[in-house]
N, C-alpha and C. Protein backbone atom coordinates (compact mmCIF):
# COMPACT_ATOMS: atom_id res chain seq x y z
N MET A 1 15.24 17.09 5.17
CA MET A 1 15.46 17.54 3.79
C MET A 1 15.43 16.32 2.87
N SER A 2 14.50 16.30 1.95
CA SER A 2 14.40 15.15 1.05
C SER A 2 15.53 15.16 0.03
N TYR A 3 15.77 14.00 -0.55
CA TYR A 3 16.85 13.86 -1.52
C TYR A 3 16.44 12.91 -2.63
N ILE A 4 17.19 13.00 -3.72
CA ILE A 4 17.02 12.07 -4.84
C ILE A 4 18.16 11.07 -4.74
N PRO A 5 17.84 9.82 -4.46
CA PRO A 5 18.90 8.82 -4.33
C PRO A 5 19.68 8.62 -5.63
N THR A 6 20.93 8.26 -5.50
CA THR A 6 21.71 7.82 -6.65
C THR A 6 21.19 6.43 -7.04
N PRO A 7 21.52 5.95 -8.23
CA PRO A 7 21.10 4.58 -8.56
C PRO A 7 21.62 3.55 -7.55
N GLU A 8 22.83 3.76 -7.04
CA GLU A 8 23.40 2.83 -6.05
C GLU A 8 22.59 2.86 -4.75
N GLN A 9 22.22 4.05 -4.31
CA GLN A 9 21.40 4.19 -3.10
C GLN A 9 20.01 3.60 -3.32
N ALA A 10 19.46 3.80 -4.52
CA ALA A 10 18.14 3.25 -4.85
C ALA A 10 18.18 1.72 -4.80
N LEU A 11 19.26 1.14 -5.30
CA LEU A 11 19.38 -0.32 -5.28
C LEU A 11 19.47 -0.83 -3.84
N GLU A 12 20.22 -0.16 -3.00
CA GLU A 12 20.31 -0.56 -1.59
C GLU A 12 18.95 -0.47 -0.91
N LEU A 13 18.22 0.59 -1.20
CA LEU A 13 16.88 0.76 -0.64
C LEU A 13 15.94 -0.34 -1.14
N THR A 14 16.03 -0.66 -2.41
CA THR A 14 15.20 -1.73 -2.98
C THR A 14 15.55 -3.06 -2.34
N LYS A 15 16.84 -3.32 -2.14
CA LYS A 15 17.27 -4.59 -1.53
C LYS A 15 16.87 -4.70 -0.06
N LYS A 16 16.60 -3.57 0.56
CA LYS A 16 16.14 -3.58 1.97
C LYS A 16 14.79 -4.30 2.08
N TYR A 17 13.96 -4.18 1.04
CA TYR A 17 12.61 -4.75 1.06
C TYR A 17 12.41 -5.89 0.08
N ASN A 18 13.41 -6.19 -0.72
CA ASN A 18 13.31 -7.25 -1.73
C ASN A 18 14.51 -8.17 -1.62
N LYS A 19 14.24 -9.46 -1.50
CA LYS A 19 15.31 -10.46 -1.39
C LYS A 19 15.36 -11.39 -2.61
N GLU A 20 14.25 -11.51 -3.31
CA GLU A 20 14.19 -12.41 -4.46
C GLU A 20 15.08 -11.88 -5.58
N PRO A 21 16.00 -12.68 -6.09
CA PRO A 21 16.87 -12.22 -7.19
C PRO A 21 16.09 -11.72 -8.40
N PHE A 22 14.94 -12.35 -8.68
CA PHE A 22 14.12 -11.92 -9.83
C PHE A 22 13.68 -10.47 -9.67
N HIS A 23 13.20 -10.11 -8.49
CA HIS A 23 12.72 -8.74 -8.26
C HIS A 23 13.86 -7.72 -8.35
N ILE A 24 15.00 -8.09 -7.82
CA ILE A 24 16.15 -7.18 -7.87
C ILE A 24 16.62 -7.01 -9.31
N HIS A 25 16.68 -8.12 -10.05
CA HIS A 25 17.08 -8.06 -11.46
C HIS A 25 16.09 -7.21 -12.26
N HIS A 26 14.80 -7.40 -12.00
CA HIS A 26 13.77 -6.62 -12.70
C HIS A 26 13.95 -5.12 -12.42
N ALA A 27 14.20 -4.78 -11.15
CA ALA A 27 14.40 -3.38 -10.78
C ALA A 27 15.60 -2.79 -11.54
N GLU A 28 16.68 -3.54 -11.58
CA GLU A 28 17.88 -3.06 -12.29
C GLU A 28 17.62 -2.94 -13.79
N THR A 29 16.90 -3.90 -14.35
CA THR A 29 16.60 -3.87 -15.78
C THR A 29 15.77 -2.64 -16.14
N VAL A 30 14.70 -2.41 -15.39
CA VAL A 30 13.84 -1.26 -15.68
C VAL A 30 14.63 0.03 -15.51
N GLY A 31 15.45 0.10 -14.48
CA GLY A 31 16.29 1.29 -14.28
C GLY A 31 17.22 1.54 -15.45
N LYS A 32 17.86 0.51 -15.94
CA LYS A 32 18.80 0.66 -17.05
C LYS A 32 18.08 1.01 -18.35
N VAL A 33 16.90 0.44 -18.54
CA VAL A 33 16.11 0.78 -19.74
C VAL A 33 15.74 2.26 -19.70
N LEU A 34 15.28 2.73 -18.54
CA LEU A 34 14.93 4.14 -18.42
C LEU A 34 16.16 5.03 -18.61
N ALA A 35 17.29 4.64 -18.04
CA ALA A 35 18.51 5.43 -18.21
C ALA A 35 18.89 5.52 -19.69
N HIS A 36 18.74 4.42 -20.40
CA HIS A 36 19.02 4.41 -21.84
C HIS A 36 18.09 5.37 -22.58
N LEU A 37 16.82 5.35 -22.23
CA LEU A 37 15.85 6.25 -22.87
C LEU A 37 16.14 7.71 -22.51
N ALA A 38 16.61 7.94 -21.30
CA ALA A 38 16.94 9.32 -20.89
C ALA A 38 18.05 9.91 -21.75
N ARG A 39 18.95 9.07 -22.23
CA ARG A 39 20.03 9.58 -23.10
C ARG A 39 19.45 10.25 -24.34
N GLU A 40 18.31 9.74 -24.79
CA GLU A 40 17.66 10.31 -25.98
C GLU A 40 16.72 11.46 -25.62
N TYR A 41 15.94 11.30 -24.56
CA TYR A 41 14.86 12.24 -24.27
C TYR A 41 15.15 13.27 -23.18
N ASP A 42 16.11 12.98 -22.32
CA ASP A 42 16.38 13.87 -21.18
C ASP A 42 17.86 13.78 -20.81
N PRO A 43 18.75 14.11 -21.77
CA PRO A 43 20.19 13.96 -21.54
C PRO A 43 20.63 14.69 -20.27
N GLY A 44 21.51 14.02 -19.53
CA GLY A 44 22.02 14.58 -18.29
C GLY A 44 21.23 14.11 -17.07
N HIS A 45 20.10 13.46 -17.31
CA HIS A 45 19.26 13.01 -16.20
C HIS A 45 19.13 11.48 -16.16
N GLU A 46 20.11 10.80 -16.75
CA GLU A 46 20.07 9.34 -16.80
C GLU A 46 20.01 8.72 -15.41
N ASP A 47 20.77 9.26 -14.44
CA ASP A 47 20.76 8.70 -13.09
C ASP A 47 19.39 8.83 -12.45
N TYR A 48 18.73 9.95 -12.67
CA TYR A 48 17.39 10.16 -12.11
C TYR A 48 16.41 9.13 -12.66
N TRP A 49 16.40 8.97 -13.98
CA TRP A 49 15.50 7.99 -14.61
C TRP A 49 15.84 6.58 -14.09
N ASN A 50 17.13 6.27 -13.99
CA ASN A 50 17.58 4.96 -13.50
C ASN A 50 17.08 4.74 -12.08
N THR A 51 17.25 5.74 -11.22
CA THR A 51 16.81 5.65 -9.82
C THR A 51 15.33 5.32 -9.73
N VAL A 52 14.52 6.02 -10.49
CA VAL A 52 13.07 5.77 -10.46
C VAL A 52 12.78 4.34 -10.91
N GLY A 53 13.44 3.90 -11.96
CA GLY A 53 13.24 2.53 -12.44
C GLY A 53 13.62 1.49 -11.40
N ILE A 54 14.71 1.72 -10.71
CA ILE A 54 15.15 0.78 -9.67
C ILE A 54 14.15 0.72 -8.52
N LEU A 55 13.59 1.86 -8.17
CA LEU A 55 12.69 1.94 -7.02
C LEU A 55 11.23 1.57 -7.32
N HIS A 56 10.87 1.42 -8.59
CA HIS A 56 9.46 1.35 -8.94
C HIS A 56 8.67 0.23 -8.26
N ASP A 57 9.30 -0.90 -7.97
CA ASP A 57 8.60 -2.02 -7.33
C ASP A 57 9.09 -2.27 -5.90
N ILE A 58 9.57 -1.24 -5.24
CA ILE A 58 10.17 -1.40 -3.91
C ILE A 58 9.26 -2.14 -2.93
N ASP A 59 7.97 -1.98 -3.08
CA ASP A 59 7.02 -2.59 -2.14
C ASP A 59 6.41 -3.91 -2.62
N PHE A 60 6.66 -4.28 -3.86
CA PHE A 60 5.90 -5.38 -4.47
C PHE A 60 6.14 -6.73 -3.81
N GLU A 61 7.37 -7.04 -3.45
CA GLU A 61 7.66 -8.36 -2.91
C GLU A 61 6.96 -8.59 -1.56
N GLN A 62 7.00 -7.62 -0.68
CA GLN A 62 6.44 -7.79 0.67
C GLN A 62 4.98 -7.39 0.78
N TRP A 63 4.54 -6.43 -0.03
CA TRP A 63 3.18 -5.90 0.08
C TRP A 63 2.50 -5.83 -1.29
N PRO A 64 2.36 -6.96 -1.98
CA PRO A 64 1.78 -6.91 -3.34
C PRO A 64 0.36 -6.35 -3.36
N GLU A 65 -0.39 -6.58 -2.29
CA GLU A 65 -1.76 -6.08 -2.24
C GLU A 65 -1.82 -4.57 -1.97
N GLN A 66 -0.70 -3.97 -1.59
CA GLN A 66 -0.64 -2.53 -1.35
C GLN A 66 0.36 -1.86 -2.31
N HIS A 67 0.60 -2.53 -3.44
CA HIS A 67 1.59 -2.05 -4.40
C HIS A 67 1.31 -0.61 -4.83
N CYS A 68 2.32 0.18 -4.86
CA CYS A 68 2.32 1.61 -5.21
C CYS A 68 1.79 2.49 -4.07
N ILE A 69 1.06 1.92 -3.14
CA ILE A 69 0.59 2.68 -1.97
C ILE A 69 1.67 2.59 -0.88
N LYS A 70 2.08 1.37 -0.57
CA LYS A 70 3.13 1.17 0.44
C LYS A 70 4.44 1.80 -0.02
N ALA A 71 4.70 1.78 -1.32
CA ALA A 71 5.94 2.37 -1.84
C ALA A 71 6.06 3.84 -1.44
N GLN A 72 4.95 4.55 -1.53
CA GLN A 72 4.96 5.97 -1.17
C GLN A 72 5.35 6.15 0.30
N GLU A 73 4.80 5.30 1.15
CA GLU A 73 5.10 5.35 2.58
C GLU A 73 6.58 5.04 2.83
N LEU A 74 7.08 3.97 2.22
CA LEU A 74 8.48 3.58 2.41
C LEU A 74 9.43 4.68 1.94
N LEU A 75 9.13 5.26 0.80
CA LEU A 75 10.01 6.29 0.24
C LEU A 75 9.95 7.59 1.05
N ARG A 76 8.78 7.90 1.56
CA ARG A 76 8.68 9.10 2.43
C ARG A 76 9.45 8.88 3.73
N GLU A 77 9.35 7.68 4.28
CA GLU A 77 10.11 7.36 5.50
C GLU A 77 11.61 7.50 5.26
N ALA A 78 12.05 7.19 4.05
CA ALA A 78 13.47 7.31 3.69
C ALA A 78 13.83 8.72 3.26
N ASP A 79 12.85 9.63 3.28
CA ASP A 79 13.04 11.04 2.94
C ASP A 79 13.41 11.25 1.47
N VAL A 80 12.85 10.41 0.62
CA VAL A 80 13.08 10.51 -0.82
C VAL A 80 12.22 11.64 -1.38
N ASP A 81 12.75 12.35 -2.35
CA ASP A 81 12.09 13.49 -2.97
C ASP A 81 10.72 13.10 -3.54
N GLU A 82 9.76 14.01 -3.41
CA GLU A 82 8.39 13.76 -3.86
C GLU A 82 8.30 13.49 -5.37
N SER A 83 9.21 14.05 -6.16
CA SER A 83 9.15 13.78 -7.60
C SER A 83 9.40 12.31 -7.89
N VAL A 84 10.28 11.69 -7.13
CA VAL A 84 10.56 10.26 -7.29
C VAL A 84 9.35 9.45 -6.82
N ILE A 85 8.77 9.85 -5.70
CA ILE A 85 7.61 9.15 -5.15
C ILE A 85 6.44 9.20 -6.13
N HIS A 86 6.19 10.37 -6.72
CA HIS A 86 5.12 10.50 -7.71
C HIS A 86 5.37 9.57 -8.89
N ALA A 87 6.60 9.56 -9.38
CA ALA A 87 6.94 8.72 -10.53
C ALA A 87 6.72 7.24 -10.21
N VAL A 88 7.20 6.80 -9.05
CA VAL A 88 7.05 5.40 -8.65
C VAL A 88 5.56 5.04 -8.54
N ALA A 89 4.78 5.88 -7.89
CA ALA A 89 3.35 5.60 -7.72
C ALA A 89 2.61 5.61 -9.05
N SER A 90 3.07 6.43 -9.99
CA SER A 90 2.35 6.57 -11.27
C SER A 90 2.45 5.34 -12.16
N HIS A 91 3.42 4.46 -11.92
CA HIS A 91 3.54 3.31 -12.82
C HIS A 91 2.41 2.29 -12.59
N GLY A 92 1.66 2.45 -11.51
CA GLY A 92 0.53 1.57 -11.26
C GLY A 92 -0.80 2.23 -11.57
N TYR A 93 -0.75 3.31 -12.33
CA TYR A 93 -1.96 4.08 -12.63
C TYR A 93 -3.06 3.21 -13.25
N GLY A 94 -4.24 3.31 -12.65
CA GLY A 94 -5.39 2.57 -13.17
C GLY A 94 -5.42 1.12 -12.73
N LEU A 95 -4.36 0.65 -12.10
CA LEU A 95 -4.29 -0.74 -11.64
C LEU A 95 -4.32 -0.80 -10.12
N CYS A 96 -3.42 -0.05 -9.50
CA CYS A 96 -3.33 -0.06 -8.04
C CYS A 96 -3.02 1.34 -7.51
N SER A 97 -3.11 2.33 -8.37
CA SER A 97 -2.79 3.70 -7.99
C SER A 97 -3.64 4.67 -8.81
N ASP A 98 -3.98 5.79 -8.19
CA ASP A 98 -4.70 6.83 -8.94
C ASP A 98 -3.78 7.98 -9.31
N VAL A 99 -2.47 7.77 -9.14
CA VAL A 99 -1.47 8.78 -9.50
C VAL A 99 -1.17 8.61 -10.99
N GLU A 100 -1.52 9.61 -11.76
CA GLU A 100 -1.39 9.54 -13.22
C GLU A 100 0.02 9.90 -13.68
N PRO A 101 0.57 9.13 -14.62
CA PRO A 101 1.86 9.51 -15.20
C PRO A 101 1.73 10.84 -15.94
N GLU A 102 2.55 11.81 -15.59
CA GLU A 102 2.50 13.13 -16.21
C GLU A 102 3.72 13.42 -17.06
N ARG A 103 4.89 13.18 -16.49
CA ARG A 103 6.13 13.48 -17.21
C ARG A 103 6.47 12.35 -18.18
N LEU A 104 7.28 12.65 -19.16
CA LEU A 104 7.67 11.66 -20.16
C LEU A 104 8.29 10.42 -19.50
N MET A 105 9.16 10.63 -18.54
CA MET A 105 9.80 9.50 -17.85
C MET A 105 8.75 8.61 -17.18
N GLU A 106 7.73 9.20 -16.58
CA GLU A 106 6.70 8.42 -15.91
C GLU A 106 5.90 7.59 -16.92
N LYS A 107 5.64 8.17 -18.07
CA LYS A 107 4.92 7.44 -19.11
C LYS A 107 5.77 6.28 -19.63
N TYR A 108 7.07 6.52 -19.79
CA TYR A 108 7.94 5.42 -20.21
C TYR A 108 8.00 4.33 -19.15
N LEU A 109 8.09 4.70 -17.88
CA LEU A 109 8.10 3.70 -16.81
C LEU A 109 6.83 2.86 -16.87
N PHE A 110 5.69 3.51 -16.99
CA PHE A 110 4.42 2.79 -17.09
C PHE A 110 4.46 1.80 -18.25
N ALA A 111 4.98 2.23 -19.37
CA ALA A 111 4.96 1.43 -20.59
C ALA A 111 5.99 0.30 -20.60
N VAL A 112 7.20 0.58 -20.14
CA VAL A 112 8.27 -0.42 -20.28
C VAL A 112 8.32 -1.43 -19.14
N ASP A 113 7.70 -1.13 -18.02
CA ASP A 113 7.71 -2.06 -16.89
C ASP A 113 7.24 -3.45 -17.33
N GLU A 114 6.08 -3.51 -17.94
CA GLU A 114 5.54 -4.80 -18.41
C GLU A 114 6.33 -5.33 -19.61
N PHE A 115 6.73 -4.43 -20.51
CA PHE A 115 7.41 -4.87 -21.73
C PHE A 115 8.76 -5.51 -21.43
N THR A 116 9.47 -5.01 -20.41
CA THR A 116 10.76 -5.64 -20.06
C THR A 116 10.53 -7.08 -19.60
N GLY A 117 9.41 -7.32 -18.92
CA GLY A 117 9.10 -8.69 -18.49
C GLY A 117 8.84 -9.61 -19.66
N LEU A 118 8.07 -9.14 -20.62
CA LEU A 118 7.76 -9.95 -21.80
C LEU A 118 9.03 -10.22 -22.62
N ILE A 119 9.82 -9.19 -22.85
CA ILE A 119 11.05 -9.35 -23.63
C ILE A 119 12.04 -10.24 -22.89
N GLY A 120 12.12 -10.06 -21.56
CA GLY A 120 13.01 -10.91 -20.75
C GLY A 120 12.60 -12.37 -20.83
N ALA A 121 11.30 -12.64 -20.78
CA ALA A 121 10.80 -14.01 -20.88
C ALA A 121 11.12 -14.59 -22.26
N ALA A 122 10.98 -13.78 -23.30
CA ALA A 122 11.30 -14.24 -24.65
C ALA A 122 12.80 -14.56 -24.77
N ALA A 123 13.62 -13.75 -24.14
CA ALA A 123 15.07 -13.97 -24.18
C ALA A 123 15.45 -15.29 -23.52
N LEU A 124 14.73 -15.66 -22.47
CA LEU A 124 15.01 -16.92 -21.78
C LEU A 124 14.74 -18.14 -22.66
N MET A 125 13.90 -17.97 -23.67
CA MET A 125 13.53 -19.07 -24.57
C MET A 125 14.52 -19.23 -25.72
N ARG A 126 15.48 -18.32 -25.80
CA ARG A 126 16.41 -18.33 -26.93
C ARG A 126 17.82 -18.70 -26.47
N PRO A 127 18.52 -19.51 -27.23
CA PRO A 127 19.90 -19.86 -26.84
C PRO A 127 20.83 -18.64 -26.79
N THR A 128 20.52 -17.60 -27.57
CA THR A 128 21.37 -16.41 -27.59
C THR A 128 20.81 -15.27 -26.74
N GLY A 129 19.74 -15.55 -26.00
CA GLY A 129 19.15 -14.52 -25.14
C GLY A 129 18.67 -13.33 -25.95
N LEU A 130 19.05 -12.13 -25.50
CA LEU A 130 18.63 -10.90 -26.19
C LEU A 130 19.41 -10.68 -27.48
N GLU A 131 20.58 -11.28 -27.55
CA GLU A 131 21.44 -11.07 -28.72
C GLU A 131 20.75 -11.54 -30.00
N GLY A 132 20.65 -10.64 -30.95
CA GLY A 132 20.05 -10.97 -32.24
C GLY A 132 18.52 -10.98 -32.24
N MET A 133 17.90 -10.75 -31.09
CA MET A 133 16.43 -10.72 -31.05
C MET A 133 15.95 -9.54 -31.88
N GLU A 134 14.87 -9.76 -32.61
CA GLU A 134 14.32 -8.72 -33.47
C GLU A 134 12.93 -8.32 -32.99
N VAL A 135 12.53 -7.13 -33.38
CA VAL A 135 11.23 -6.60 -32.99
C VAL A 135 10.10 -7.52 -33.45
N LYS A 136 10.22 -8.09 -34.63
CA LYS A 136 9.14 -8.95 -35.13
C LYS A 136 8.92 -10.16 -34.22
N SER A 137 10.00 -10.69 -33.63
CA SER A 137 9.81 -11.82 -32.71
C SER A 137 9.21 -11.35 -31.39
N VAL A 138 9.53 -10.15 -30.97
CA VAL A 138 8.90 -9.57 -29.76
C VAL A 138 7.40 -9.40 -30.02
N MET A 139 7.07 -8.89 -31.17
CA MET A 139 5.66 -8.66 -31.49
C MET A 139 4.89 -9.98 -31.61
N LYS A 140 5.55 -11.02 -32.10
CA LYS A 140 4.91 -12.34 -32.18
C LYS A 140 4.58 -12.83 -30.76
N LYS A 141 5.51 -12.64 -29.83
CA LYS A 141 5.26 -13.03 -28.43
C LYS A 141 4.20 -12.12 -27.80
N PHE A 142 4.21 -10.85 -28.16
CA PHE A 142 3.21 -9.91 -27.64
C PHE A 142 1.80 -10.36 -28.03
N LYS A 143 1.66 -10.83 -29.26
CA LYS A 143 0.34 -11.24 -29.76
C LYS A 143 -0.11 -12.59 -29.19
N ASP A 144 0.84 -13.39 -28.71
CA ASP A 144 0.53 -14.69 -28.12
C ASP A 144 0.18 -14.48 -26.64
N LYS A 145 -1.12 -14.40 -26.35
CA LYS A 145 -1.59 -14.08 -24.99
C LYS A 145 -1.18 -15.13 -23.96
N LYS A 146 -0.87 -16.35 -24.41
CA LYS A 146 -0.47 -17.40 -23.47
C LYS A 146 1.00 -17.25 -23.06
N PHE A 147 1.79 -16.59 -23.90
CA PHE A 147 3.20 -16.41 -23.58
C PHE A 147 3.34 -15.28 -22.56
N ALA A 148 4.10 -15.54 -21.48
CA ALA A 148 4.30 -14.54 -20.42
C ALA A 148 2.96 -13.88 -20.08
N ALA A 149 2.00 -14.73 -19.75
CA ALA A 149 0.62 -14.29 -19.52
C ALA A 149 0.51 -13.24 -18.42
N GLY A 150 1.47 -13.20 -17.51
CA GLY A 150 1.45 -12.21 -16.43
C GLY A 150 1.80 -10.80 -16.88
N CYS A 151 2.31 -10.66 -18.08
CA CYS A 151 2.67 -9.35 -18.62
C CYS A 151 1.45 -8.79 -19.35
N SER A 152 0.89 -7.74 -18.81
CA SER A 152 -0.36 -7.18 -19.35
C SER A 152 -0.15 -6.47 -20.69
N ARG A 153 -0.73 -7.04 -21.72
CA ARG A 153 -0.70 -6.41 -23.04
C ARG A 153 -1.48 -5.11 -23.03
N ASP A 154 -2.55 -5.06 -22.23
CA ASP A 154 -3.35 -3.83 -22.15
C ASP A 154 -2.54 -2.68 -21.56
N VAL A 155 -1.76 -2.96 -20.53
CA VAL A 155 -0.92 -1.91 -19.93
C VAL A 155 0.13 -1.45 -20.94
N ILE A 156 0.74 -2.39 -21.64
CA ILE A 156 1.74 -2.03 -22.64
C ILE A 156 1.11 -1.14 -23.72
N ALA A 157 -0.05 -1.54 -24.21
CA ALA A 157 -0.74 -0.77 -25.26
C ALA A 157 -1.14 0.61 -24.74
N LYS A 158 -1.63 0.67 -23.51
CA LYS A 158 -2.01 1.96 -22.93
C LYS A 158 -0.78 2.85 -22.77
N GLY A 159 0.34 2.26 -22.35
CA GLY A 159 1.59 3.02 -22.21
C GLY A 159 2.06 3.56 -23.55
N ALA A 160 2.00 2.72 -24.57
CA ALA A 160 2.40 3.17 -25.91
C ALA A 160 1.51 4.33 -26.34
N GLU A 161 0.22 4.22 -26.07
CA GLU A 161 -0.73 5.28 -26.44
C GLU A 161 -0.39 6.58 -25.69
N MET A 162 -0.08 6.48 -24.41
CA MET A 162 0.30 7.66 -23.62
C MET A 162 1.49 8.39 -24.26
N LEU A 163 2.39 7.58 -24.83
CA LEU A 163 3.62 8.11 -25.43
C LEU A 163 3.42 8.55 -26.88
N GLY A 164 2.27 8.24 -27.44
CA GLY A 164 2.02 8.55 -28.84
C GLY A 164 2.80 7.65 -29.78
N LEU A 165 3.04 6.42 -29.33
CA LEU A 165 3.80 5.44 -30.12
C LEU A 165 2.93 4.25 -30.47
N ALA A 166 3.25 3.62 -31.56
CA ALA A 166 2.66 2.31 -31.85
C ALA A 166 3.34 1.31 -30.93
N VAL A 167 2.66 0.22 -30.60
CA VAL A 167 3.25 -0.80 -29.74
C VAL A 167 4.56 -1.31 -30.33
N GLN A 168 4.61 -1.44 -31.64
CA GLN A 168 5.83 -1.92 -32.30
C GLN A 168 6.99 -0.95 -32.08
N GLU A 169 6.72 0.35 -32.11
CA GLU A 169 7.78 1.35 -31.85
C GLU A 169 8.26 1.24 -30.41
N LEU A 170 7.33 1.07 -29.48
CA LEU A 170 7.71 0.90 -28.07
C LEU A 170 8.52 -0.37 -27.89
N ALA A 171 8.13 -1.43 -28.58
CA ALA A 171 8.89 -2.68 -28.53
C ALA A 171 10.32 -2.46 -29.00
N ALA A 172 10.47 -1.72 -30.09
CA ALA A 172 11.80 -1.46 -30.64
C ALA A 172 12.66 -0.67 -29.65
N LYS A 173 12.09 0.34 -29.03
CA LYS A 173 12.84 1.16 -28.08
C LYS A 173 13.22 0.35 -26.83
N THR A 174 12.29 -0.45 -26.34
CA THR A 174 12.54 -1.25 -25.15
C THR A 174 13.58 -2.33 -25.44
N LEU A 175 13.43 -3.01 -26.56
CA LEU A 175 14.39 -4.05 -26.94
C LEU A 175 15.79 -3.45 -27.12
N GLU A 176 15.87 -2.34 -27.81
CA GLU A 176 17.17 -1.68 -28.02
C GLU A 176 17.82 -1.34 -26.68
N ALA A 177 17.03 -0.80 -25.76
CA ALA A 177 17.54 -0.44 -24.44
C ALA A 177 18.01 -1.65 -23.66
N MET A 178 17.27 -2.75 -23.76
CA MET A 178 17.66 -3.98 -23.06
C MET A 178 18.91 -4.58 -23.70
N GLN A 179 18.99 -4.57 -25.02
CA GLN A 179 20.16 -5.10 -25.70
C GLN A 179 21.41 -4.28 -25.40
N ALA A 180 21.25 -2.98 -25.16
CA ALA A 180 22.39 -2.11 -24.86
C ALA A 180 23.02 -2.45 -23.50
N GLN A 181 22.29 -3.16 -22.66
CA GLN A 181 22.79 -3.54 -21.32
C GLN A 181 23.72 -4.73 -21.36
N THR A 182 23.61 -5.54 -22.40
CA THR A 182 24.38 -6.79 -22.42
C THR A 182 25.78 -6.59 -22.96
């Protein structure tokens, strides 16, 4: 019988395959951002959104060349519900997966995964971190292709488009969600 892990169970499962503190922190950040967004878009389902965010890169550290494919295998072995597996696989749509984001949460996961990395990198450059960061400074970093070059601006833009948002609106929502964690 498959199940939907709690955020705590999702973190334990993620830690089973990820040892790097950066990857674990990223998983927790994306989970918390999604949980914050769920309060607005899907109240009562914050834990579900958080769980998906925590699990989204479960396979990345050990199997980067099989990202989103190996995740499905690992999650099925753990008897995780197919809705979670679909959501996790969908965040790599067009990059390493042919599973398309369908639900609002999946579209947000696709969009904020990269944006949390860019905003996190920008926060590291500031003495106050996320505190006091404004959307205009996020957008300045977004436009600077050399800054956090590993964060795909194309994926962020495509995610914003999926959501029917301007990139600046997505930046504002992601930044607000990240700031709410501190």
